[in-house]
Every structure is written in structure tokens, then in C-alpha cells.
Amino acid sequence: MQPRFDPIPFDQLLRKWAEQIVGQIHPGQSVNLVGIRTRGEILARRLQPILNDLGTDCVGFGALDITLYRDDLSEIGPRPLVRPTVLQFDPDKKPLILIDDVLYTGRTVRAALNALSDFGRPAAVRLAVLVDRGGRELPIQPDAVALSLGELSPDQVVKVKVKEIDGYDGIEIERRNS
């Protein structure tokens, strides 16, 4: 049995996160949501109706593949799976919220910012992560966090499980395979 960390039900965690995101948006401002593939995309899709219920106008949606922007691409293997980036809006001069499941070193977010720059220049980019596990290597901080775990040991891995992929929602902390 893998250790699990479920401090509050997942739906309540998403609602808490959405409320924090709304706090980062000016009243009446429209925003675009961009999820980092794979779980960030799913979380962004699930956040969209919650944000709309809270009075935020989510006008655009996007899914960002950062595979070719990673600084560890050579470690992934000879044929990394690259899926298309899909932005259902023009990102120029419009604010967007970048969504990811877990924030650790900051390298994924750096890669996402580099990828976004190939599509345009947003007016502002806000970062919303479901879980912040500490351990930053780059000066990147989230604007909205649903669950902050503090500084975990480098041999620990945080895995966000979503029912669309894993069959259930949850957050697990496991030991890294050596």
C-alpha cells in the first residue's frame, strides 16, 4: 500500500484552490487557463467550471506540452512522447493562469514559460499549483497553492492522482526508486 496524503476531500481542495486563484484576479477581469500536460491540463479543465461559479470569466483554455523545452530531455529517453500544445485563444496581451499539479524545483515552470513565449506575450502569467512540496532550485513561486507540504526530503516523490487517468483522486507521497 502506497502512503497517501488526503488532508481534505479532493473536491474541497479544488474549491479552496479556486478561491485562491480568484483572489489573484481583478474583479471583472477575464482570464485564460493553461494546464501543463498531463495532470495540469486535467486540473485546469476541472477548475474552469468552479472558477466560473465563483464569478470569474474563464474565456480561453489551453494545454501546454513542455517536453522539448525541458532541460533534462536527454534523460527522458531517445523518443520522448511529444503531444501538441493547444491554445484555444490568442495569448497576446491577455492574462493567463498557468496550472500544474506539483511544484518542486521550478524547472517545469521555467520550461512552460519558455514554451508559452513561442505562442505570444501574455499581459501577465499567474502560477497556480495544487501541491507545493518545497525544494526550489529556481526563483519561482506560486501565486495560488491548494496544499503546501513544506520541504520534503529529495528521496520523496509527490504524485497527484486524478480519476481521469488513475481512476481516483488523491495525493500520494512515495519514496523515490533508486
Protein backbone atom coordinates (compact mmCIF):
# COMPACT_ATOMS: atom_id res chain seq x y z
CA MET A 1 0.00 0.00 0.00
CA GLN A 2 1.36 3.38 -1.00
CA PRO A 3 1.23 6.15 1.60
CA ARG A 4 -1.47 8.69 0.88
CA PHE A 5 -1.91 12.26 1.96
CA ASP A 6 -5.57 13.29 1.91
CA PRO A 7 -5.99 16.13 4.42
CA ILE A 8 -9.37 17.16 2.98
CA PRO A 9 -11.53 15.67 0.24
CA PHE A 10 -10.14 16.38 -3.22
CA ASP A 11 -13.20 18.34 -4.37
CA GLN A 12 -12.88 20.62 -1.34
CA LEU A 13 -9.18 21.05 -2.09
CA LEU A 14 -10.03 22.12 -5.66
CA ARG A 15 -12.63 24.59 -4.33
CA LYS A 16 -10.09 26.07 -1.87
CA TRP A 17 -7.57 26.37 -4.70
CA ALA A 18 -10.11 28.06 -6.99
CA GLU A 19 -10.92 30.60 -4.27
CA GLN A 20 -7.21 31.46 -4.01
CA ILE A 21 -6.99 31.85 -7.78
CA VAL A 22 -9.99 34.18 -7.79
CA GLY A 23 -8.15 36.27 -5.19
CA GLN A 24 -5.37 36.80 -7.76
CA ILE A 25 -7.72 38.16 -10.42
CA HIS A 26 -9.00 41.72 -10.65
CA PRO A 27 -12.82 41.90 -10.41
CA GLY A 28 -14.38 41.67 -13.85
CA GLN A 29 -11.13 40.53 -15.47
CA SER A 30 -11.29 37.70 -17.98
CA VAL A 31 -8.58 35.04 -17.81
CA ASN A 32 -7.28 32.17 -19.86
CA LEU A 33 -6.36 28.86 -18.22
CA VAL A 34 -3.34 26.90 -19.46
CA GLY A 35 -2.66 23.48 -17.98
CA ILE A 36 0.76 21.87 -18.24
CA ARG A 37 0.25 18.41 -19.71
CA THR A 38 -0.78 15.94 -18.38
CA ARG A 39 -2.28 16.44 -14.95
CA GLY A 40 -2.13 20.24 -15.09
CA GLU A 41 -4.37 20.08 -18.14
CA ILE A 42 -6.89 17.90 -16.33
CA LEU A 43 -6.83 20.10 -13.24
CA ALA A 44 -7.35 23.20 -15.39
CA ARG A 45 -10.40 21.58 -17.02
CA ARG A 46 -11.80 20.76 -13.60
CA LEU A 47 -11.08 24.25 -12.26
CA GLN A 48 -12.78 26.06 -15.12
CA PRO A 49 -16.41 25.47 -14.00
CA ILE A 50 -15.51 26.16 -10.35
CA LEU A 51 -13.90 29.46 -11.30
CA ASN A 52 -16.94 30.33 -13.42
CA ASP A 53 -19.22 29.54 -10.44
CA LEU A 54 -17.10 31.91 -8.34
CA GLY A 55 -17.74 34.70 -10.84
CA THR A 56 -14.53 34.57 -12.87
CA ASP A 57 -14.85 34.71 -16.63
CA CYS A 58 -12.60 31.93 -17.95
CA VAL A 59 -12.65 32.76 -21.63
CA GLY A 60 -9.95 30.51 -23.01
CA PHE A 61 -8.38 27.16 -22.34
CA GLY A 62 -5.06 25.67 -23.30
CA ALA A 63 -2.95 22.56 -22.83
CA LEU A 64 0.80 23.09 -22.94
CA ASP A 65 3.30 20.35 -23.80
CA ILE A 66 6.74 21.27 -22.47
CA THR A 67 8.62 18.10 -23.43
CA LEU A 68 11.00 19.75 -25.89
CA TYR A 69 11.66 22.65 -23.50
CA ARG A 70 12.86 20.51 -20.60
CA ASP A 71 16.47 20.81 -19.51
CA ASP A 72 16.56 17.07 -18.79
CA LEU A 73 15.31 16.00 -22.23
CA SER A 74 18.32 13.74 -22.78
CA GLU A 75 17.41 11.80 -19.62
CA ILE A 76 13.86 11.09 -20.78
CA GLY A 77 14.97 8.67 -23.49
CA PRO A 78 15.61 8.52 -27.20
CA ARG A 79 11.97 9.05 -28.24
CA PRO A 80 10.09 11.26 -25.81
CA LEU A 81 6.33 11.43 -26.21
CA VAL A 82 5.53 14.88 -27.56
CA ARG A 83 1.90 15.89 -27.76
CA PRO A 84 0.57 19.06 -29.31
CA THR A 85 0.18 22.30 -27.44
CA VAL A 86 -3.36 23.55 -27.92
CA LEU A 87 -4.28 27.13 -27.07
CA GLN A 88 -7.91 27.96 -27.79
CA PHE A 89 -7.15 31.67 -27.61
CA ASP A 90 -4.59 34.25 -28.69
CA PRO A 91 -2.31 34.70 -25.66
CA ASP A 92 -1.04 38.15 -26.67
CA LYS A 93 -1.83 40.90 -24.17
CA LYS A 94 -4.25 38.79 -22.15
CA PRO A 95 -3.66 37.47 -18.63
CA LEU A 96 -3.39 33.75 -18.13
CA ILE A 97 -3.17 31.32 -15.28
CA LEU A 98 -0.64 28.53 -15.65
CA ILE A 99 -1.86 25.37 -13.91
CA ASP A 100 0.31 22.46 -12.69
CA ASP A 101 -0.12 19.62 -10.24
CA VAL A 102 3.14 19.70 -8.21
CA LEU A 103 5.76 22.42 -7.82
CA TYR A 104 9.21 21.18 -6.83
CA THR A 105 12.42 22.58 -8.35
CA GLY A 106 10.72 25.13 -10.61
CA ARG A 107 12.23 23.65 -13.77
CA THR A 108 8.88 22.55 -15.18
CA VAL A 109 7.51 26.06 -14.78
CA ARG A 110 10.62 27.54 -16.42
CA ALA A 111 10.12 25.19 -19.37
CA ALA A 112 6.44 26.17 -19.53
CA LEU A 113 7.27 29.88 -19.59
CA ASN A 114 9.74 29.27 -22.41
CA ALA A 115 7.13 27.29 -24.35
CA LEU A 116 4.49 29.99 -23.82
CA SER A 117 6.83 32.65 -25.20
CA ASP A 118 6.75 30.84 -28.56
CA PHE A 119 3.00 31.47 -28.76
CA GLY A 120 2.84 35.09 -27.72
CA ARG A 121 3.32 37.54 -24.89
CA PRO A 122 0.58 37.39 -22.26
CA ALA A 123 -0.23 40.53 -20.27
CA ALA A 124 0.50 38.57 -17.08
CA VAL A 125 1.12 34.97 -16.07
CA ARG A 126 -0.04 33.71 -12.68
CA LEU A 127 1.08 30.31 -11.42
CA ALA A 128 -1.39 28.05 -9.64
CA VAL A 129 -0.21 24.68 -8.33
CA LEU A 130 -2.20 22.07 -6.49
CA VAL A 131 0.74 20.96 -4.31
CA ASP A 132 3.90 22.84 -3.32
CA ARG A 133 6.44 20.36 -1.97
CA GLY A 134 9.32 22.83 -1.48
CA GLY A 135 12.85 22.30 -2.72
CA ARG A 136 13.09 25.07 -5.31
CA GLU A 137 16.22 25.31 -7.47
CA LEU A 138 14.96 28.33 -9.41
CA PRO A 139 13.40 31.58 -8.11
CA ILE A 140 9.83 30.58 -8.97
CA GLN A 141 6.95 30.90 -6.53
CA PRO A 142 3.26 30.09 -7.00
CA ASP A 143 0.52 32.68 -6.76
CA ALA A 144 -2.05 30.12 -5.59
CA VAL A 145 -1.42 26.81 -3.79
CA ALA A 146 -4.06 24.38 -2.58
CA LEU A 147 -1.72 22.32 -0.38
CA SER A 148 1.73 23.28 0.87
CA LEU A 149 3.71 20.34 2.23
CA GLY A 150 6.79 22.27 3.30
CA GLU A 151 10.24 20.98 2.43
CA LEU A 152 10.13 17.26 1.71
CA SER A 153 13.17 15.04 1.51
CA PRO A 154 14.69 14.70 -2.00
CA ASP A 155 14.02 10.95 -1.85
CA GLN A 156 10.28 11.61 -1.59
CA VAL A 157 8.01 11.96 -4.61
CA VAL A 158 4.59 13.63 -4.59
CA LYS A 159 2.12 12.13 -7.02
CA VAL A 160 -1.22 13.70 -7.78
CA LYS A 161 -3.77 11.13 -8.87
CA VAL A 162 -6.77 12.16 -10.94
CA LYS A 163 -9.74 9.98 -11.75
CA GLU A 164 -9.48 10.71 -15.48
CA ILE A 165 -6.13 8.87 -15.61
CA ASP A 166 -5.73 6.93 -12.37
CA GLY A 167 -9.33 6.04 -11.57
CA TYR A 168 -9.38 8.05 -8.33
CA ASP A 169 -8.42 11.47 -6.96
CA GLY A 170 -5.74 11.79 -4.32
CA ILE A 171 -2.27 12.88 -3.36
CA GLU A 172 0.41 10.32 -2.56
CA ILE A 173 3.88 10.68 -1.12
CA GLU A 174 6.23 7.87 -2.01
CA ARG A 175 9.93 7.04 -1.72
CA ARG A 176 11.87 7.65 -4.93
CA ASN A 177 13.13 4.49 -6.64
CA SER A 178 16.93 4.44 -6.59
